[in-house]
PDB file of N, CA and C in Angstrom:
ATOM      1  N   MET A   1      55.474  38.344   7.609  1.00  0.00           N
ATOM      2  CA  MET A   1      57.504  38.421   6.867  1.00  0.00           C
ATOM      3  C   MET A   1      57.308  37.259   5.875  1.00  0.00           C
ATOM      4  N   LYS A   2      56.649  36.564   6.230  1.00  0.00           N
ATOM      5  CA  LYS A   2      56.875  34.818   5.195  1.00  0.00           C
ATOM      6  C   LYS A   2      55.875  35.361   3.859  1.00  0.00           C
ATOM      7  N   ALA A   3      54.440  36.237   4.236  1.00  0.00           N
ATOM      8  CA  ALA A   3      53.808  36.787   3.395  1.00  0.00           C
ATOM      9  C   ALA A   3      54.675  37.101   1.920  1.00  0.00           C
ATOM     10  N   ILE A   4      55.509  38.352   2.720  1.00  0.00           N
ATOM     11  CA  ILE A   4      56.394  38.867   1.894  1.00  0.00           C
ATOM     12  C   ILE A   4      57.348  38.498   0.589  1.00  0.00           C
ATOM     13  N   LYS A   5      57.772  37.339   1.743  1.00  0.00           N
ATOM     14  CA  LYS A   5      58.417  36.275   0.869  1.00  0.00           C
ATOM     15  C   LYS A   5      57.889  35.944  -0.217  1.00  0.00           C
ATOM     16  N   LEU A   6      56.667  35.501   0.268  1.00  0.00           N
ATOM     17  CA  LEU A   6      56.009  34.938  -1.394  1.00  0.00           C
ATOM     18  C   LEU A   6      56.222  35.573  -1.949  1.00  0.00           C
ATOM     19  N   ILE A   7      55.409  36.628  -1.699  1.00  0.00           N
ATOM     20  CA  ILE A   7      55.030  37.557  -2.979  1.00  0.00           C
ATOM     21  C   ILE A   7      55.842  38.169  -3.969  1.00  0.00           C
ATOM     22  N   VAL A   8      56.744  38.458  -3.045  1.00  0.00           N
ATOM     23  CA  VAL A   8      58.171  39.269  -4.299  1.00  0.00           C
ATOM     24  C   VAL A   8      58.603  38.555  -4.845  1.00  0.00           C
ATOM     25  N   PRO A   9      58.899  36.726  -4.757  1.00  0.00           N
ATOM     26  CA  PRO A   9      58.902  36.314  -6.355  1.00  0.00           C
ATOM     27  C   PRO A   9      58.103  36.048  -7.196  1.00  0.00           C
ATOM     28  N   MET A  10      56.758  35.952  -6.696  1.00  0.00           N
ATOM     29  CA  MET A  10      55.895  36.185  -7.544  1.00  0.00           C
ATOM     30  C   MET A  10      55.417  37.088  -8.421  1.00  0.00           C
ATOM     31  N   VAL A  11      55.470  38.406  -7.668  1.00  0.00           N
ATOM     32  CA  VAL A  11      55.697  39.582  -8.211  1.00  0.00           C
ATOM     33  C   VAL A  11      56.802  39.721  -9.468  1.00  0.00           C
ATOM     34  N   MET A  12      57.818  39.233  -9.085  1.00  0.00           N
ATOM     35  CA  MET A  12      59.212  39.772 -10.171  1.00  0.00           C
ATOM     36  C   MET A  12      58.783  38.097 -10.863  1.00  0.00           C
ATOM     37  N   SER A  13      58.475  37.194 -10.935  1.00  0.00           N
ATOM     38  CA  SER A  13      58.257  36.359 -12.325  1.00  0.00           C
ATOM     39  C   SER A  13      57.269  36.830 -13.450  1.00  0.00           C
ATOM     40  N   THR A  14      56.308  37.659 -12.418  1.00  0.00           N
ATOM     41  CA  THR A  14      55.496  38.347 -13.564  1.00  0.00           C
ATOM     42  C   THR A  14      55.783  39.175 -14.331  1.00  0.00           C
ATOM     43  N   THR A  15      56.417  40.001 -13.875  1.00  0.00           N
ATOM     44  CA  THR A  15      57.534  41.367 -14.773  1.00  0.00           C
ATOM     45  C   THR A  15      58.075  40.618 -15.680  1.00  0.00           C
ATOM     46  N   THR A  16      59.238  39.644 -14.892  1.00  0.00           N
ATOM     47  CA  THR A  16      59.862  39.217 -16.182  1.00  0.00           C
ATOM     48  C   THR A  16      59.087  38.621 -17.336  1.00  0.00           C
ATOM     49  N   ALA A  17      58.233  37.909 -16.913  1.00  0.00           N
ATOM     50  CA  ALA A  17      57.190  37.309 -18.626  1.00  0.00           C
ATOM     51  C   ALA A  17      56.504  38.447 -18.713  1.00  0.00           C
ATOM     52  N   ALA A  18      56.390  39.929 -18.416  1.00  0.00           N
ATOM     53  CA  ALA A  18      55.936  40.780 -19.219  1.00  0.00           C
ATOM     54  C   ALA A  18      57.333  41.411 -20.081  1.00  0.00           C
ATOM     55  N   TYR A  19      58.108  41.471 -19.792  1.00  0.00           N
ATOM     56  CA  TYR A  19      59.049  41.646 -20.380  1.00  0.00           C
ATOM     57  C   TYR A  19      59.261  41.464 -21.506  1.00  0.00           C
ATOM     58  N   ALA A  20      59.484  39.713 -21.213  1.00  0.00           N
ATOM     59  CA  ALA A  20      59.640  39.075 -22.008  1.00  0.00           C
ATOM     60  C   ALA A  20      58.944  39.276 -23.361  1.00  0.00           C
ATOM     61  N   ALA A  21      57.560  39.122 -22.894  1.00  0.00           N
ATOM     62  CA  ALA A  21      56.707  39.201 -24.342  1.00  0.00           C
ATOM     63  C   ALA A  21      56.618  40.293 -24.696  1.00  0.00           C
ATOM     64  N   THR A  22      57.117  41.453 -24.380  1.00  0.00           N
ATOM     65  CA  THR A  22      57.197  42.547 -25.177  1.00  0.00           C
ATOM     66  C   THR A  22      58.684  42.644 -25.764  1.00  0.00           C
ATOM     67  N   SER A  23      59.643  41.699 -25.776  1.00  0.00           N
ATOM     68  CA  SER A  23      60.652  41.628 -26.560  1.00  0.00           C
ATOM     69  C   SER A  23      60.536  40.873 -27.722  1.00  0.00           C
ATOM     70  N   ALA A  24      59.647  39.918 -26.971  1.00  0.00           N
ATOM     71  CA  ALA A  24      59.545  38.918 -28.356  1.00  0.00           C
ATOM     72  C   ALA A  24      58.971  39.178 -29.555  1.00  0.00           C
ATOM     73  N   GLN A  25      58.584  40.194 -29.824  1.00  0.00           N
ATOM     74  CA  GLN A  25      57.900  41.019 -31.265  1.00  0.00           C
ATOM     75  C   GLN A  25      58.732  41.081 -32.105  1.00  0.00           C
ATOM     76  N   SER A  26      59.156  40.649 -33.081  1.00  0.00           N
ATOM     77  CA  SER A  26      59.909  40.882 -34.286  1.00  0.00           C
ATOM     78  C   SER A  26      59.573  42.437 -34.895  1.00  0.00           C
ATOM     79  N   GLU A  27      60.471  43.173 -35.879  1.00  0.00           N
ATOM     80  CA  GLU A  27      60.406  44.169 -36.370  1.00  0.00           C
ATOM     81  C   GLU A  27      60.142  43.319 -38.234  1.00  0.00           C
ATOM     82  N   GLY A  28      59.869  42.513 -38.344  1.00  0.00           N
ATOM     83  CA  GLY A  28      59.544  42.251 -39.686  1.00  0.00           C
ATOM     84  C   GLY A  28      61.085  40.403 -40.378  1.00  0.00           C
ATOM     85  N   ALA A  29      60.878  40.512 -41.299  1.00  0.00           N
ATOM     86  CA  ALA A  29      61.517  39.608 -41.455  1.00  0.00           C
ATOM     87  C   ALA A  29      63.614  40.514 -41.989  1.00  0.00           C
ATOM     88  N   GLY A  30      64.301  39.346 -41.570  1.00  0.00           N
ATOM     89  CA  GLY A  30      65.344  40.099 -42.169  1.00  0.00           C
ATOM     90  C   GLY A  30      65.754  40.023 -42.927  1.00  0.00           C
ATOM     91  N   ILE A  31      66.836  39.897 -43.837  1.00  0.00           N
ATOM     92  CA  ILE A  31      67.747  39.968 -45.171  1.00  0.00           C
ATOM     93  C   ILE A  31      68.330  38.663 -45.491  1.00  0.00           C
ATOM     94  N   LEU A  32      68.651  38.216 -44.263  1.00  0.00           N
ATOM     95  CA  LEU A  32      68.856  36.332 -44.478  1.00  0.00           C
ATOM     96  C   LEU A  32      67.756  35.558 -45.203  1.00  0.00           C
ATOM     97  N   THR A  33      66.665  36.378 -44.390  1.00  0.00           N
ATOM     98  CA  THR A  33      65.496  35.329 -44.550  1.00  0.00           C
ATOM     99  C   THR A  33      64.911  35.930 -45.962  1.00  0.00           C
ATOM    100  N   TYR A  34      65.229  36.900 -46.633  1.00  0.00           N
ATOM    101  CA  TYR A  34      64.723  37.440 -47.797  1.00  0.00           C
ATOM    102  C   TYR A  34      65.909  36.468 -48.932  1.00  0.00           C
ATOM    103  N   PHE A  35      67.305  36.479 -48.528  1.00  0.00           N
ATOM    104  CA  PHE A  35      67.806  35.401 -49.240  1.00  0.00           C
ATOM    105  C   PHE A  35      68.001  34.438 -49.644  1.00  0.00           C
ATOM    106  N   PHE A  36      67.081  33.828 -48.305  1.00  0.00           N
ATOM    107  CA  PHE A  36      67.122  32.250 -48.489  1.00  0.00           C
ATOM    108  C   PHE A  36      65.445  32.290 -49.228  1.00  0.00           C
ATOM    109  N   ILE A  37      64.770  32.755 -49.639  1.00  0.00           N
ATOM    110  CA  ILE A  37      63.176  32.969 -50.148  1.00  0.00           C
ATOM    111  C   ILE A  37      64.167  32.957 -52.056  1.00  0.00           C
ATOM    112  N   GLY A  38      64.564  34.083 -51.551  1.00  0.00           N
ATOM    113  CA  GLY A  38      65.083  34.093 -53.456  1.00  0.00           C
ATOM    114  C   GLY A  38      66.336  33.363 -53.755  1.00  0.00           C
ATOM    115  N   PHE A  39      66.953  32.063 -53.302  1.00  0.00           N
ATOM    116  CA  PHE A  39      67.547  31.312 -53.562  1.00  0.00           C
ATOM    117  C   PHE A  39      67.098  30.310 -53.738  1.00  0.00           C
ATOM    118  N   PHE A  40      65.648  29.923 -52.662  1.00  0.00           N
ATOM    119  CA  PHE A  40      65.010  28.700 -53.388  1.00  0.00           C
ATOM    120  C   PHE A  40      64.261  29.577 -55.077  1.00  0.00           C
ATOM    121  N   ALA A  41      63.868  30.414 -55.300  1.00  0.00           N
ATOM    122  CA  ALA A  41      63.156  31.211 -56.129  1.00  0.00           C
ATOM    123  C   ALA A  41      64.079  31.068 -57.484  1.00  0.00           C
ATOM    124  N   LEU A  42      65.433  30.740 -57.312  1.00  0.00           N
ATOM    125  CA  LEU A  42      66.107  31.112 -58.102  1.00  0.00           C
ATOM    126  C   LEU A  42      65.903  29.875 -58.663  1.00  0.00           C
ATOM    127  N   ILE A  43      65.763  28.455 -57.525  1.00  0.00           N
ATOM    128  CA  ILE A  43      65.963  27.372 -57.958  1.00  0.00           C
ATOM    129  C   ILE A  43      64.932  26.576 -58.686  1.00  0.00           C
ATOM    130  N   ILE A  44      63.558  27.122 -58.456  1.00  0.00           N
ATOM    131  CA  ILE A  44      62.647  26.824 -59.302  1.00  0.00           C
ATOM    132  C   ILE A  44      62.640  27.115 -60.358  1.00  0.00           C
ATOM    133  N   VAL A  45      63.082  28.591 -60.730  1.00  0.00           N
ATOM    134  CA  VAL A  45      62.697  29.341 -62.168  1.00  0.00           C
ATOM    135  C   VAL A  45      63.787  28.652 -62.728  1.00  0.00           C
ATOM    136  N   SER A  46      65.140  28.051 -62.425  1.00  0.00           N
ATOM    137  CA  SER A  46      65.925  27.709 -63.381  1.00  0.00           C
ATOM    138  C   SER A  46      65.752  26.104 -63.692  1.00  0.00           C
ATOM    139  N   GLN A  47      64.794  25.538 -62.750  1.00  0.00           N
ATOM    140  CA  GLN A  47      64.276  24.193 -63.519  1.00  0.00           C
ATOM    141  C   GLN A  47      62.732  24.689 -64.310  1.00  0.00           C
ATOM    142  N   LEU A  48      62.723  25.452 -64.304  1.00  0.00           N
ATOM    143  CA  LEU A  48      61.375  25.927 -65.344  1.00  0.00           C
ATOM    144  C   LEU A  48      62.084  26.234 -66.895  1.00  0.00           C
ATOM    145  N   VAL A  49      62.979  26.618 -66.984  1.00  0.00           N
ATOM    146  CA  VAL A  49      63.179  26.671 -68.518  1.00  0.00           C
ATOM    147  C   VAL A  49      63.685  25.415 -69.437  1.00  0.00           C
ATOM    148  N   PRO A  50      64.070  24.182 -68.405  1.00  0.00           N
ATOM    149  CA  PRO A  50      64.426  22.569 -68.951  1.00  0.00           C
ATOM    150  C   PRO A  50      62.955  22.177 -69.848  1.00  0.00           C
ATOM    151  N   ALA A  51      62.195  22.727 -68.606  1.00  0.00           N
ATOM    152  CA  ALA A  51      60.693  21.917 -68.434  1.00  0.00           C
ATOM    153  C   ALA A  51      59.802  22.571 -69.275  1.00  0.00           C
ATOM    154  N   MET A  52      60.120  24.217 -69.631  1.00  0.00           N
ATOM    155  CA  MET A  52      59.957  24.460 -70.672  1.00  0.00           C
ATOM    156  C   MET A  52      59.929  24.034 -72.212  1.00  0.00           C
ATOM    157  N   ILE A  53      61.285  24.152 -72.022  1.00  0.00           N
ATOM    158  CA  ILE A  53      62.202  23.529 -73.174  1.00  0.00           C
ATOM    159  C   ILE A  53      61.448  22.212 -73.791  1.00  0.00           C
ATOM    160  N   LEU A  54      61.448  21.476 -72.948  1.00  0.00           N
ATOM    161  CA  LEU A  54      61.426  20.098 -73.348  1.00  0.00           C
ATOM    162  C   LEU A  54      59.179  19.659 -73.365  1.00  0.00           C
ATOM    163  N   PHE A  55      58.896  20.783 -72.769  1.00  0.00           N
ATOM    164  CA  PHE A  55      57.529  20.806 -73.258  1.00  0.00           C
ATOM    165  C   PHE A  55      56.861  21.174 -74.568  1.00  0.00           C
ATOM    166  N   VAL A  56      57.281  22.286 -75.153  1.00  0.00           N
ATOM    167  CA  VAL A  56      57.433  22.599 -76.436  1.00  0.00           C
ATOM    168  C   VAL A  56      57.989  21.852 -77.614  1.00  0.00           C
ATOM    169  N   GLY A  57      59.185  20.955 -76.970  1.00  0.00           N
ATOM    170  CA  GLY A  57      59.681  19.805 -78.057  1.00  0.00           C
ATOM    171  C   GLY A  57      58.674  19.072 -77.857  1.00  0.00           C
ATOM    172  N   MET A  58      57.738  18.869 -77.260  1.00  0.00           N
ATOM    173  CA  MET A  58      56.656  17.551 -77.153  1.00  0.00           C
ATOM    174  C   MET A  58      55.590  18.005 -77.629  1.00  0.00           C
ATOM    175  N   VAL A  59      55.007  19.284 -77.526  1.00  0.00           N
ATOM    176  CA  VAL A  59      53.882  19.453 -78.813  1.00  0.00           C
ATOM    177  C   VAL A  59      54.122  19.486 -80.048  1.00  0.00           C
ATOM    178  N   LYS A  60      55.406  19.715 -80.255  1.00  0.00           N
ATOM    179  CA  LYS A  60      55.851  20.171 -81.635  1.00  0.00           C
ATOM    180  C   LYS A  60      55.865  18.585 -82.542  1.00  0.00           C
ATOM    181  N   GLY A  61      56.341  17.374 -81.293  1.00  0.00           N
ATOM    182  CA  GLY A  61      55.833  16.436 -82.121  1.00  0.00           C
ATOM    183  C   GLY A  61      55.300  15.513 -81.824  1.00  0.00           C
ATOM    184  N   LEU A  62      54.012  16.293 -81.137  1.00  0.00           N
ATOM    185  CA  LEU A  62      52.576  16.068 -81.363  1.00  0.00           C
ATOM    186  C   LEU A  62      51.467  15.845 -82.155  1.00  0.00           C
ATOM    187  N   PHE A  63      52.206  17.674 -82.872  1.00  0.00           N
ATOM    188  CA  PHE A  63      51.271  18.414 -83.931  1.00  0.00           C
ATOM    189  C   PHE A  63      52.562  18.174 -84.940  1.00  0.00           C
ATOM    190  N   ALA A  64      53.446  17.556 -85.154  1.00  0.00           N
ATOM    191  CA  ALA A  64      53.920  17.285 -86.428  1.00  0.00           C
ATOM    192  C   ALA A  64      54.003  16.560 -87.336  1.00  0.00           C
ATOM    193  N   SER A  65      53.557  16.747 -88.625  1.00  0.00           N
ATOM    194  CA  SER A  65      53.216  16.092 -89.604  1.00  0.00           C
ATOM    195  C   SER A  65      53.683  14.612 -89.769  1.00  0.00           C
ATOM    196  N   SER A  66      53.085  13.218 -90.283  1.00  0.00           N
ATOM    197  CA  SER A  66      53.438  12.122 -89.938  1.00  0.00           C
ATOM    198  C   SER A  66      54.257  11.820 -91.626  1.00  0.00           C
ATOM    199  N   GLU A  67      54.342  12.797 -92.777  1.00  0.00           N
ATOM    200  CA  GLU A  67      55.054  12.869 -93.944  1.00  0.00           C
ATOM    201  C   GLU A  67      56.616  12.624 -94.225  1.00  0.00           C
ATOM    202  N   LYS A  68      57.045  13.249 -92.983  1.00  0.00           N
ATOM    203  CA  LYS A  68      58.514  13.085 -93.164  1.00  0.00           C
ATOM    204  C   LYS A  68      59.249  12.193 -92.940  1.00  0.00           C
ATOM    205  N   ALA A  69      58.745  10.929 -91.651  1.00  0.00           N
ATOM    206  CA  ALA A  69      58.922   9.558 -91.610  1.00  0.00           C
ATOM    207  C   ALA A  69      58.563   8.675 -92.760  1.00  0.00           C
ATOM    208  N   SER A  70      57.473   9.062 -93.764  1.00  0.00           N
ATOM    209  CA  SER A  70      57.014   8.114 -94.740  1.00  0.00           C
ATOM    210  C   SER A  70      57.922   8.572 -95.455  1.00  0.00           C
ATOM    211  N   THR A  71      58.176   9.915 -95.730  1.00  0.00           N
ATOM    212  CA  THR A  71      59.732   9.520 -97.101  1.00  0.00           C
ATOM    213  C   THR A  71      61.098   9.447 -96.528  1.00  0.00           C
ATOM    214  N   LYS A  72      61.559   9.290 -95.911  1.00  0.00           N
ATOM    215  CA  LYS A  72      62.628   8.884 -95.511  1.00  0.00           C
ATOM    216  C   LYS A  72      62.691   7.266 -95.516  1.00  0.00           C
ATOM    217  N   SER A  73      61.771   6.693 -95.409  1.00  0.00           N
ATOM    218  CA  SER A  73      61.812   4.958 -95.290  1.00  0.00           C
ATOM    219  C   SER A  73      61.685   4.687 -96.932  1.00  0.00           C
ATOM    220  N   ASN A  74      61.004   5.479 -97.546  1.00  0.00           N
ATOM    221  CA  ASN A  74      60.992   5.208 -99.349  1.00  0.00           C
ATOM    222  C   ASN A  74      62.648   5.458 -99.721  1.00  0.00           C
TER     223      ASN A  74
END
């Protein structure tokens, strides 16, 4: 009788762990996950636009001729 009292809880605890393991698998990312990733992608893209404008201005400044500055001083 004591052996049965020990075996029953052991068997029940292993079956609950097995059920928990099978139900823990997800079916994929939900819609909120895609909104979360999309929100941060939108932030990154919106930061790239001003960065590209500044980069183009810097490149134009580096390769611009210096004649314009000398004619203004005369």
